[in-house]
């Protein structure tokens, strides 16, 4: 089962709050997770396969810039658990 969380702040970094929310969604079960934020018109995405803390250690989910963002945990119902299939997704132009 997937879990999605969004965050819009007036100031400060959204990524640490999104990371904490993803940790709270762990009970739902998942195989991958990721965070996307926007800063200065640029979308930043970090995601991978595994538990939220393991992903944090590899790609630093909390380090993304921006005060607006989303987080997503994925349970693979279609497609293998992989970094490419982890959410959130971008289009072919980023």
PDB file of N, CA and C in Angstrom:
ATOM      1  N   UNK A   1       0.839  -1.171   0.000  1.00  0.00           N
ATOM      2  CA  UNK A   1       0.000   0.000   0.000  1.00  0.00           C
ATOM      3  C   UNK A   1       0.885   1.236   0.000  1.00  0.00           C
ATOM      4  N   UNK A   2       0.569   2.211  -0.818  1.00  0.00           N
ATOM      5  CA  UNK A   2       1.357   3.434  -0.922  1.00  0.00           C
ATOM      6  C   UNK A   2       0.927   4.452   0.121  1.00  0.00           C
ATOM      7  N   UNK A   3       1.815   5.400   0.365  1.00  0.00           N
ATOM      8  CA  UNK A   3       1.512   6.530   1.226  1.00  0.00           C
ATOM      9  C   UNK A   3       2.074   7.784   0.603  1.00  0.00           C
ATOM     10  N   UNK A   4       1.313   8.869   0.649  1.00  0.00           N
ATOM     11  CA  UNK A   4       1.735  10.135   0.053  1.00  0.00           C
ATOM     12  C   UNK A   4       1.544  11.236   1.075  1.00  0.00           C
ATOM     13  N   UNK A   5       2.510  12.141   1.149  1.00  0.00           N
ATOM     14  CA  UNK A   5       2.427  13.283   2.057  1.00  0.00           C
ATOM     15  C   UNK A   5       2.916  14.520   1.312  1.00  0.00           C
ATOM     16  N   UNK A   6       2.294  15.655   1.582  1.00  0.00           N
ATOM     17  CA  UNK A   6       2.714  16.918   0.994  1.00  0.00           C
ATOM     18  C   UNK A   6       2.968  17.940   2.074  1.00  0.00           C
ATOM     19  N   UNK A   7       3.781  18.945   1.751  1.00  0.00           N
ATOM     20  CA  UNK A   7       4.145  19.959   2.729  1.00  0.00           C
ATOM     21  C   UNK A   7       4.343  21.298   2.024  1.00  0.00           C
ATOM     22  N   UNK A   8       3.684  22.332   2.528  1.00  0.00           N
ATOM     23  CA  UNK A   8       3.872  23.694   2.037  1.00  0.00           C
ATOM     24  C   UNK A   8       4.152  24.566   3.254  1.00  0.00           C
ATOM     25  N   UNK A   9       5.333  25.140   3.309  1.00  0.00           N
ATOM     26  CA  UNK A   9       5.736  25.976   4.435  1.00  0.00           C
ATOM     27  C   UNK A   9       5.913  27.422   3.996  1.00  0.00           C
ATOM     28  N   UNK A  10       5.724  28.336   4.902  1.00  0.00           N
ATOM     29  CA  UNK A  10       5.993  29.757   4.612  1.00  0.00           C
ATOM     30  C   UNK A  10       7.485  30.044   4.602  1.00  0.00           C
ATOM     31  N   UNK A  11       8.235  29.229   5.272  1.00  0.00           N
ATOM     32  CA  UNK A  11       9.688  29.375   5.323  1.00  0.00           C
ATOM     33  C   UNK A  11      10.300  28.101   5.863  1.00  0.00           C
ATOM     34  N   UNK A  12      11.562  27.912   5.618  1.00  0.00           N
ATOM     35  CA  UNK A  12      12.238  26.713   6.098  1.00  0.00           C
ATOM     36  C   UNK A  12      12.185  25.595   5.082  1.00  0.00           C
ATOM     37  N   UNK A  13      12.821  24.502   5.450  1.00  0.00           N
ATOM     38  CA  UNK A  13      12.955  23.361   4.548  1.00  0.00           C
ATOM     39  C   UNK A  13      11.835  22.352   4.768  1.00  0.00           C
ATOM     40  N   UNK A  14      11.191  21.948   3.692  1.00  0.00           N
ATOM     41  CA  UNK A  14      10.110  20.969   3.753  1.00  0.00           C
ATOM     42  C   UNK A  14      10.631  19.542   3.886  1.00  0.00           C
ATOM     43  N   UNK A  15      11.788  19.243   3.306  1.00  0.00           N
ATOM     44  CA  UNK A  15      12.280  17.864   3.235  1.00  0.00           C
ATOM     45  C   UNK A  15      12.394  17.171   4.597  1.00  0.00           C
ATOM     46  N   UNK A  16      12.908  17.813   5.648  1.00  0.00           N
ATOM     47  CA  UNK A  16      12.973  17.118   6.938  1.00  0.00           C
ATOM     48  C   UNK A  16      11.593  16.734   7.480  1.00  0.00           C
ATOM     49  N   UNK A  17      10.594  17.578   7.289  1.00  0.00           N
ATOM     50  CA  UNK A  17       9.238  17.251   7.732  1.00  0.00           C
ATOM     51  C   UNK A  17       8.647  16.111   6.909  1.00  0.00           C
ATOM     52  N   UNK A  18       8.908  16.129   5.614  1.00  0.00           N
ATOM     53  CA  UNK A  18       8.419  15.059   4.739  1.00  0.00           C
ATOM     54  C   UNK A  18       9.072  13.734   5.120  1.00  0.00           C
ATOM     55  N   UNK A  19      10.359  13.762   5.394  1.00  0.00           N
ATOM     56  CA  UNK A  19      11.077  12.563   5.832  1.00  0.00           C
ATOM     57  C   UNK A  19      10.424  11.977   7.093  1.00  0.00           C
ATOM     58  N   UNK A  20      10.144  12.824   8.077  1.00  0.00           N
ATOM     59  CA  UNK A  20       9.508  12.355   9.312  1.00  0.00           C
ATOM     60  C   UNK A  20       8.124  11.760   9.033  1.00  0.00           C
ATOM     61  N   UNK A  21       7.387  12.369   8.124  1.00  0.00           N
ATOM     62  CA  UNK A  21       6.066  11.848   7.766  1.00  0.00           C
ATOM     63  C   UNK A  21       6.189  10.486   7.085  1.00  0.00           C
ATOM     64  N   UNK A  22       7.184  10.315   6.222  1.00  0.00           N
ATOM     65  CA  UNK A  22       7.392   9.013   5.575  1.00  0.00           C
ATOM     66  C   UNK A  22       7.723   7.950   6.613  1.00  0.00           C
ATOM     67  N   UNK A  23       8.488   8.318   7.638  1.00  0.00           N
ATOM     68  CA  UNK A  23       8.799   7.386   8.715  1.00  0.00           C
ATOM     69  C   UNK A  23       7.510   6.920   9.392  1.00  0.00           C
ATOM     70  N   UNK A  24       6.551   7.826   9.555  1.00  0.00           N
ATOM     71  CA  UNK A  24       5.291   7.487  10.213  1.00  0.00           C
ATOM     72  C   UNK A  24       4.396   6.624   9.320  1.00  0.00           C
ATOM     73  N   UNK A  25       4.645   6.652   8.020  1.00  0.00           N
ATOM     74  CA  UNK A  25       3.864   5.833   7.094  1.00  0.00           C
ATOM     75  C   UNK A  25       4.433   4.420   6.929  1.00  0.00           C
ATOM     76  N   UNK A  26       5.552   4.130   7.568  1.00  0.00           N
ATOM     77  CA  UNK A  26       6.212   2.840   7.371  1.00  0.00           C
ATOM     78  C   UNK A  26       5.329   1.653   7.739  1.00  0.00           C
ATOM     79  N   UNK A  27       4.424   1.809   8.662  1.00  0.00           N
ATOM     80  CA  UNK A  27       3.572   0.696   9.085  1.00  0.00           C
ATOM     81  C   UNK A  27       2.692   0.183   7.952  1.00  0.00           C
ATOM     82  N   UNK A  28       2.512   0.987   6.904  1.00  0.00           N
ATOM     83  CA  UNK A  28       1.640   0.612   5.794  1.00  0.00           C
ATOM     84  C   UNK A  28       2.298  -0.411   4.868  1.00  0.00           C
ATOM     85  N   UNK A  29       3.608  -0.568   4.962  1.00  0.00           N
ATOM     86  CA  UNK A  29       4.322  -1.472   4.079  1.00  0.00           C
ATOM     87  C   UNK A  29       4.684  -0.784   2.773  1.00  0.00           C
ATOM     88  N   UNK A  30       5.875  -1.032   2.271  1.00  0.00           N
ATOM     89  CA  UNK A  30       6.337  -0.416   1.033  1.00  0.00           C
ATOM     90  C   UNK A  30       7.657  -1.052   0.636  1.00  0.00           C
ATOM     91  N   UNK A  31       8.114  -0.794  -0.581  1.00  0.00           N
ATOM     92  CA  UNK A  31       9.410  -1.315  -1.011  1.00  0.00           C
ATOM     93  C   UNK A  31      10.371  -0.215  -1.431  1.00  0.00           C
ATOM     94  N   UNK A  32       9.867   1.003  -1.608  1.00  0.00           N
ATOM     95  CA  UNK A  32      10.717   2.120  -1.996  1.00  0.00           C
ATOM     96  C   UNK A  32      10.053   3.418  -1.543  1.00  0.00           C
ATOM     97  N   UNK A  33      10.846   4.482  -1.548  1.00  0.00           N
ATOM     98  CA  UNK A  33      10.307   5.778  -1.129  1.00  0.00           C
ATOM     99  C   UNK A  33      11.139   6.883  -1.754  1.00  0.00           C
ATOM    100  N   UNK A  34      10.552   8.085  -1.783  1.00  0.00           N
ATOM    101  CA  UNK A  34      11.275   9.227  -2.313  1.00  0.00           C
ATOM    102  C   UNK A  34      10.639  10.539  -1.908  1.00  0.00           C
ATOM    103  N   UNK A  35      11.392  11.602  -2.137  1.00  0.00           N
ATOM    104  CA  UNK A  35      10.960  12.963  -1.822  1.00  0.00           C
ATOM    105  C   UNK A  35      11.250  13.838  -3.026  1.00  0.00           C
ATOM    106  N   UNK A  36      10.326  14.756  -3.322  1.00  0.00           N
ATOM    107  CA  UNK A  36      10.545  15.779  -4.348  1.00  0.00           C
ATOM    108  C   UNK A  36      10.226  17.133  -3.728  1.00  0.00           C
ATOM    109  N   UNK A  37      11.101  18.101  -3.957  1.00  0.00           N
ATOM    110  CA  UNK A  37      10.861  19.468  -3.508  1.00  0.00           C
ATOM    111  C   UNK A  37      11.076  20.408  -4.683  1.00  0.00           C
ATOM    112  N   UNK A  38      10.603  21.627  -4.517  1.00  0.00           N
ATOM    113  CA  UNK A  38      10.839  22.642  -5.542  1.00  0.00           C
ATOM    114  C   UNK A  38      11.510  23.837  -4.884  1.00  0.00           C
ATOM    115  N   UNK A  39      12.544  24.340  -5.545  1.00  0.00           N
ATOM    116  CA  UNK A  39      13.298  25.488  -5.049  1.00  0.00           C
ATOM    117  C   UNK A  39      13.774  26.301  -6.241  1.00  0.00           C
ATOM    118  N   UNK A  40      13.446  27.578  -6.239  1.00  0.00           N
ATOM    119  CA  UNK A  40      13.848  28.481  -7.335  1.00  0.00           C
ATOM    120  C   UNK A  40      13.434  27.932  -8.703  1.00  0.00           C
ATOM    121  N   UNK A  41      12.260  27.341  -8.772  1.00  0.00           N
ATOM    122  CA  UNK A  41      11.724  26.839 -10.027  1.00  0.00           C
ATOM    123  C   UNK A  41      12.303  25.519 -10.493  1.00  0.00           C
ATOM    124  N   UNK A  42      13.130  24.886  -9.668  1.00  0.00           N
ATOM    125  CA  UNK A  42      13.758  23.610 -10.021  1.00  0.00           C
ATOM    126  C   UNK A  42      13.188  22.514  -9.124  1.00  0.00           C
ATOM    127  N   UNK A  43      12.789  21.382  -9.726  1.00  0.00           N
ATOM    128  CA  UNK A  43      12.306  20.238  -8.968  1.00  0.00           C
ATOM    129  C   UNK A  43      13.499  19.345  -8.639  1.00  0.00           C
ATOM    130  N   UNK A  44      13.626  19.024  -7.362  1.00  0.00           N
ATOM    131  CA  UNK A  44      14.696  18.152  -6.874  1.00  0.00           C
ATOM    132  C   UNK A  44      14.072  16.857  -6.398  1.00  0.00           C
ATOM    133  N   UNK A  45      14.594  15.713  -6.849  1.00  0.00           N
ATOM    134  CA  UNK A  45      14.038  14.406  -6.486  1.00  0.00           C
ATOM    135  C   UNK A  45      15.159  13.495  -6.004  1.00  0.00           C
ATOM    136  N   UNK A  46      14.886  12.823  -4.885  1.00  0.00           N
ATOM    137  CA  UNK A  46      15.769  11.755  -4.402  1.00  0.00           C
ATOM    138  C   UNK A  46      14.878  10.593  -4.000  1.00  0.00           C
ATOM    139  N   UNK A  47      15.259   9.390  -4.437  1.00  0.00           N
ATOM    140  CA  UNK A  47      14.450   8.208  -4.176  1.00  0.00           C
ATOM    141  C   UNK A  47      15.316   6.973  -4.312  1.00  0.00           C
ATOM    142  N   UNK A  48      14.837   5.878  -3.711  1.00  0.00           N
ATOM    143  CA  UNK A  48      15.567   4.614  -3.824  1.00  0.00           C
ATOM    144  C   UNK A  48      14.705   3.489  -3.262  1.00  0.00           C
ATOM    145  N   UNK A  49      15.234   2.286  -3.331  1.00  0.00           N
ATOM    146  CA  UNK A  49      14.574   1.088  -2.817  1.00  0.00           C
ATOM    147  C   UNK A  49      15.029   0.868  -1.378  1.00  0.00           C
ATOM    148  N   UNK A  50      14.117   0.377  -0.539  1.00  0.00           N
ATOM    149  CA  UNK A  50      14.476   0.020   0.830  1.00  0.00           C
ATOM    150  C   UNK A  50      13.650   0.751   1.856  1.00  0.00           C
ATOM    151  N   UNK A  51      14.078   0.650   3.101  1.00  0.00           N
ATOM    152  CA  UNK A  51      13.416   1.332   4.205  1.00  0.00           C
ATOM    153  C   UNK A  51      13.795   2.805   4.192  1.00  0.00           C
ATOM    154  N   UNK A  52      12.943   3.637   4.764  1.00  0.00           N
ATOM    155  CA  UNK A  52      13.149   5.088   4.733  1.00  0.00           C
ATOM    156  C   UNK A  52      14.516   5.471   5.314  1.00  0.00           C
ATOM    157  N   UNK A  53      14.892   4.892   6.454  1.00  0.00           N
ATOM    158  CA  UNK A  53      16.200   5.221   7.046  1.00  0.00           C
ATOM    159  C   UNK A  53      17.355   4.782   6.156  1.00  0.00           C
ATOM    160  N   UNK A  54      17.218   3.632   5.499  1.00  0.00           N
ATOM    161  CA  UNK A  54      18.271   3.164   4.591  1.00  0.00           C
ATOM    162  C   UNK A  54      18.410   4.110   3.399  1.00  0.00           C
ATOM    163  N   UNK A  55      17.274   4.556   2.883  1.00  0.00           N
ATOM    164  CA  UNK A  55      17.298   5.488   1.748  1.00  0.00           C
ATOM    165  C   UNK A  55      17.922   6.809   2.187  1.00  0.00           C
ATOM    166  N   UNK A  56      17.552   7.276   3.375  1.00  0.00           N
ATOM    167  CA  UNK A  56      18.125   8.509   3.912  1.00  0.00           C
ATOM    168  C   UNK A  56      19.647   8.422   3.967  1.00  0.00           C
ATOM    169  N   UNK A  57      20.161   7.300   4.430  1.00  0.00           N
ATOM    170  CA  UNK A  57      21.615   7.125   4.526  1.00  0.00           C
ATOM    171  C   UNK A  57      22.284   7.192   3.157  1.00  0.00           C
ATOM    172  N   UNK A  58      21.628   6.664   2.135  1.00  0.00           N
ATOM    173  CA  UNK A  58      22.230   6.624   0.787  1.00  0.00           C
ATOM    174  C   UNK A  58      22.096   7.941   0.032  1.00  0.00           C
ATOM    175  N   UNK A  59      20.915   8.592   0.116  1.00  0.00           N
ATOM    176  CA  UNK A  59      20.684   9.734  -0.779  1.00  0.00           C
ATOM    177  C   UNK A  59      20.323  11.034  -0.058  1.00  0.00           C
ATOM    178  N   UNK A  60      20.261  11.042   1.271  1.00  0.00           N
ATOM    179  CA  UNK A  60      19.963  12.243   2.072  1.00  0.00           C
ATOM    180  C   UNK A  60      18.651  12.909   1.653  1.00  0.00           C
ATOM    181  N   UNK A  61      17.542  12.224   1.915  1.00  0.00           N
ATOM    182  CA  UNK A  61      16.217  12.759   1.607  1.00  0.00           C
ATOM    183  C   UNK A  61      15.983  14.102   2.289  1.00  0.00           C
ATOM    184  N   UNK A  62      16.531  14.277   3.484  1.00  0.00           N
ATOM    185  CA  UNK A  62      16.297  15.504   4.252  1.00  0.00           C
ATOM    186  C   UNK A  62      17.074  16.706   3.725  1.00  0.00           C
ATOM    187  N   UNK A  63      18.034  16.470   2.844  1.00  0.00           N
ATOM    188  CA  UNK A  63      18.899  17.540   2.367  1.00  0.00           C
ATOM    189  C   UNK A  63      18.377  18.322   1.184  1.00  0.00           C
ATOM    190  N   UNK A  64      17.186  17.992   0.702  1.00  0.00           N
ATOM    191  CA  UNK A  64      16.653  18.696  -0.470  1.00  0.00           C
ATOM    192  C   UNK A  64      16.248  20.123  -0.115  1.00  0.00           C
ATOM    193  N   UNK A  65      16.505  21.076  -1.009  1.00  0.00           N
ATOM    194  CA  UNK A  65      16.120  22.466  -0.747  1.00  0.00           C
ATOM    195  C   UNK A  65      14.648  22.716  -1.071  1.00  0.00           C
ATOM    196  N   UNK A  66      14.102  23.765  -0.505  1.00  0.00           N
ATOM    197  CA  UNK A  66      12.749  24.186  -0.846  1.00  0.00           C
ATOM    198  C   UNK A  66      11.775  24.055   0.308  1.00  0.00           C
ATOM    199  N   UNK A  67      10.770  24.912   0.284  1.00  0.00           N
ATOM    200  CA  UNK A  67       9.749  24.918   1.337  1.00  0.00           C
ATOM    201  C   UNK A  67       8.455  24.223   0.902  1.00  0.00           C
ATOM    202  N   UNK A  68       8.449  23.643  -0.307  1.00  0.00           N
ATOM    203  CA  UNK A  68       7.293  22.912  -0.827  1.00  0.00           C
ATOM    204  C   UNK A  68       7.773  21.553  -1.329  1.00  0.00           C
ATOM    205  N   UNK A  69       7.033  20.492  -0.996  1.00  0.00           N
ATOM    206  CA  UNK A  69       7.449  19.185  -1.477  1.00  0.00           C
ATOM    207  C   UNK A  69       6.429  18.101  -1.222  1.00  0.00           C
ATOM    208  N   UNK A  70       6.736  16.920  -1.754  1.00  0.00           N
ATOM    209  CA  UNK A  70       5.920  15.724  -1.556  1.00  0.00           C
ATOM    210  C   UNK A  70       6.841  14.548  -1.245  1.00  0.00           C
ATOM    211  N   UNK A  71       6.283  13.588  -0.528  1.00  0.00           N
ATOM    212  CA  UNK A  71       6.974  12.336  -0.267  1.00  0.00           C
ATOM    213  C   UNK A  71       6.054  11.198  -0.636  1.00  0.00           C
ATOM    214  N   UNK A  72       6.631  10.063  -1.015  1.00  0.00           N
ATOM    215  CA  UNK A  72       5.814   8.948  -1.484  1.00  0.00           C
ATOM    216  C   UNK A  72       6.501   7.640  -1.109  1.00  0.00           C
ATOM    217  N   UNK A  73       5.740   6.728  -0.512  1.00  0.00           N
ATOM    218  CA  UNK A  73       6.204   5.353  -0.349  1.00  0.00           C
ATOM    219  C   UNK A  73       5.452   4.503  -1.359  1.00  0.00           C
ATOM    220  N   UNK A  74       6.116   3.499  -1.909  1.00  0.00           N
ATOM    221  CA  UNK A  74       5.517   2.683  -2.974  1.00  0.00           C
ATOM    222  C   UNK A  74       5.514   1.219  -2.595  1.00  0.00           C
ATOM    223  N   UNK A  75       4.408   0.562  -2.854  1.00  0.00           N
ATOM    224  CA  UNK A  75       4.292  -0.888  -2.751  1.00  0.00           C
ATOM    225  C   UNK A  75       4.139  -1.407  -4.173  1.00  0.00           C
ATOM    226  N   UNK A  76       5.082  -2.189  -4.647  1.00  0.00           N
ATOM    227  CA  UNK A  76       5.125  -2.599  -6.048  1.00  0.00           C
ATOM    228  C   UNK A  76       3.974  -3.541  -6.402  1.00  0.00           C
ATOM    229  N   UNK A  77       2.958  -2.997  -7.014  1.00  0.00           N
ATOM    230  CA  UNK A  77       1.886  -3.825  -7.557  1.00  0.00           C
ATOM    231  C   UNK A  77       2.078  -4.018  -9.058  1.00  0.00           C
ATOM    232  N   UNK A  78       2.766  -3.085  -9.702  1.00  0.00           N
ATOM    233  CA  UNK A  78       3.120  -3.184 -11.124  1.00  0.00           C
ATOM    234  C   UNK A  78       4.579  -2.776 -11.249  1.00  0.00           C
ATOM    235  N   UNK A  79       5.370  -3.591 -11.863  1.00  0.00           N
ATOM    236  CA  UNK A  79       6.788  -3.302 -12.021  1.00  0.00           C
ATOM    237  C   UNK A  79       7.571  -3.722 -10.801  1.00  0.00           C
ATOM    238  N   UNK A  80       8.792  -4.116 -11.032  1.00  0.00           N
ATOM    239  CA  UNK A  80       9.658  -4.598  -9.957  1.00  0.00           C
ATOM    240  C   UNK A  80      10.052  -3.469  -9.015  1.00  0.00           C
ATOM    241  N   UNK A  81      10.328  -3.788  -7.752  1.00  0.00           N
ATOM    242  CA  UNK A  81      10.884  -2.782  -6.856  1.00  0.00           C
ATOM    243  C   UNK A  81      12.264  -2.365  -7.366  1.00  0.00           C
ATOM    244  N   UNK A  82      12.402  -1.119  -7.743  1.00  0.00           N
ATOM    245  CA  UNK A  82      13.678  -0.612  -8.256  1.00  0.00           C
ATOM    246  C   UNK A  82      13.716   0.900  -8.087  1.00  0.00           C
ATOM    247  N   UNK A  83      14.905   1.453  -8.189  1.00  0.00           N
ATOM    248  CA  UNK A  83      15.051   2.906  -8.087  1.00  0.00           C
ATOM    249  C   UNK A  83      14.261   3.595  -9.194  1.00  0.00           C
ATOM    250  N   UNK A  84      14.271   3.029 -10.391  1.00  0.00           N
ATOM    251  CA  UNK A  84      13.562   3.623 -11.521  1.00  0.00           C
ATOM    252  C   UNK A  84      12.048   3.631 -11.289  1.00  0.00           C
ATOM    253  N   UNK A  85      11.525   2.615 -10.604  1.00  0.00           N
ATOM    254  CA  UNK A  85      10.093   2.531 -10.347  1.00  0.00           C
ATOM    255  C   UNK A  85       9.677   3.239  -9.058  1.00  0.00           C
ATOM    256  N   UNK A  86      10.652   3.662  -8.249  1.00  0.00           N
ATOM    257  CA  UNK A  86      10.338   4.371  -7.007  1.00  0.00           C
ATOM    258  C   UNK A  86       9.677   5.709  -7.343  1.00  0.00           C
ATOM    259  N   UNK A  87       8.826   6.163  -6.453  1.00  0.00           N
ATOM    260  CA  UNK A  87       8.136   7.442  -6.630  1.00  0.00           C
ATOM    261  C   UNK A  87       8.803   8.482  -5.748  1.00  0.00           C
ATOM    262  N   UNK A  88       8.661   9.747  -6.046  1.00  0.00           N
ATOM    263  CA  UNK A  88       7.879  10.350  -7.122  1.00  0.00           C
ATOM    264  C   UNK A  88       8.597  10.279  -8.471  1.00  0.00           C
ATOM    265  N   UNK A  89       7.784  10.326  -9.537  1.00  0.00           N
ATOM    266  CA  UNK A  89       8.304  10.278 -10.907  1.00  0.00           C
ATOM    267  C   UNK A  89       8.338  11.670 -11.519  1.00  0.00           C
ATOM    268  N   UNK A  90       9.204  11.831 -12.494  1.00  0.00           N
ATOM    269  CA  UNK A  90       9.240  13.035 -13.336  1.00  0.00           C
ATOM    270  C   UNK A  90       8.924  12.618 -14.758  1.00  0.00           C
ATOM    271  N   UNK A  91       8.545  13.580 -15.588  1.00  0.00           N
ATOM    272  CA  UNK A  91       8.346  13.249 -16.994  1.00  0.00           C
ATOM    273  C   UNK A  91       9.706  13.121 -17.691  1.00  0.00           C
ATOM    274  N   UNK A  92       9.700  12.815 -18.972  1.00  0.00           N
ATOM    275  CA  UNK A  92      10.942  12.565 -19.692  1.00  0.00           C
ATOM    276  C   UNK A  92      11.832  13.796 -19.816  1.00  0.00           C
ATOM    277  N   UNK A  93      11.290  14.968 -19.537  1.00  0.00           N
ATOM    278  CA  UNK A  93      12.086  16.204 -19.580  1.00  0.00           C
ATOM    279  C   UNK A  93      12.465  16.688 -18.188  1.00  0.00           C
ATOM    280  N   UNK A  94      12.148  15.911 -17.184  1.00  0.00           N
ATOM    281  CA  UNK A  94      12.505  16.276 -15.808  1.00  0.00           C
ATOM    282  C   UNK A  94      11.507  17.206 -15.180  1.00  0.00           C
TER     283      UNK A  94
END
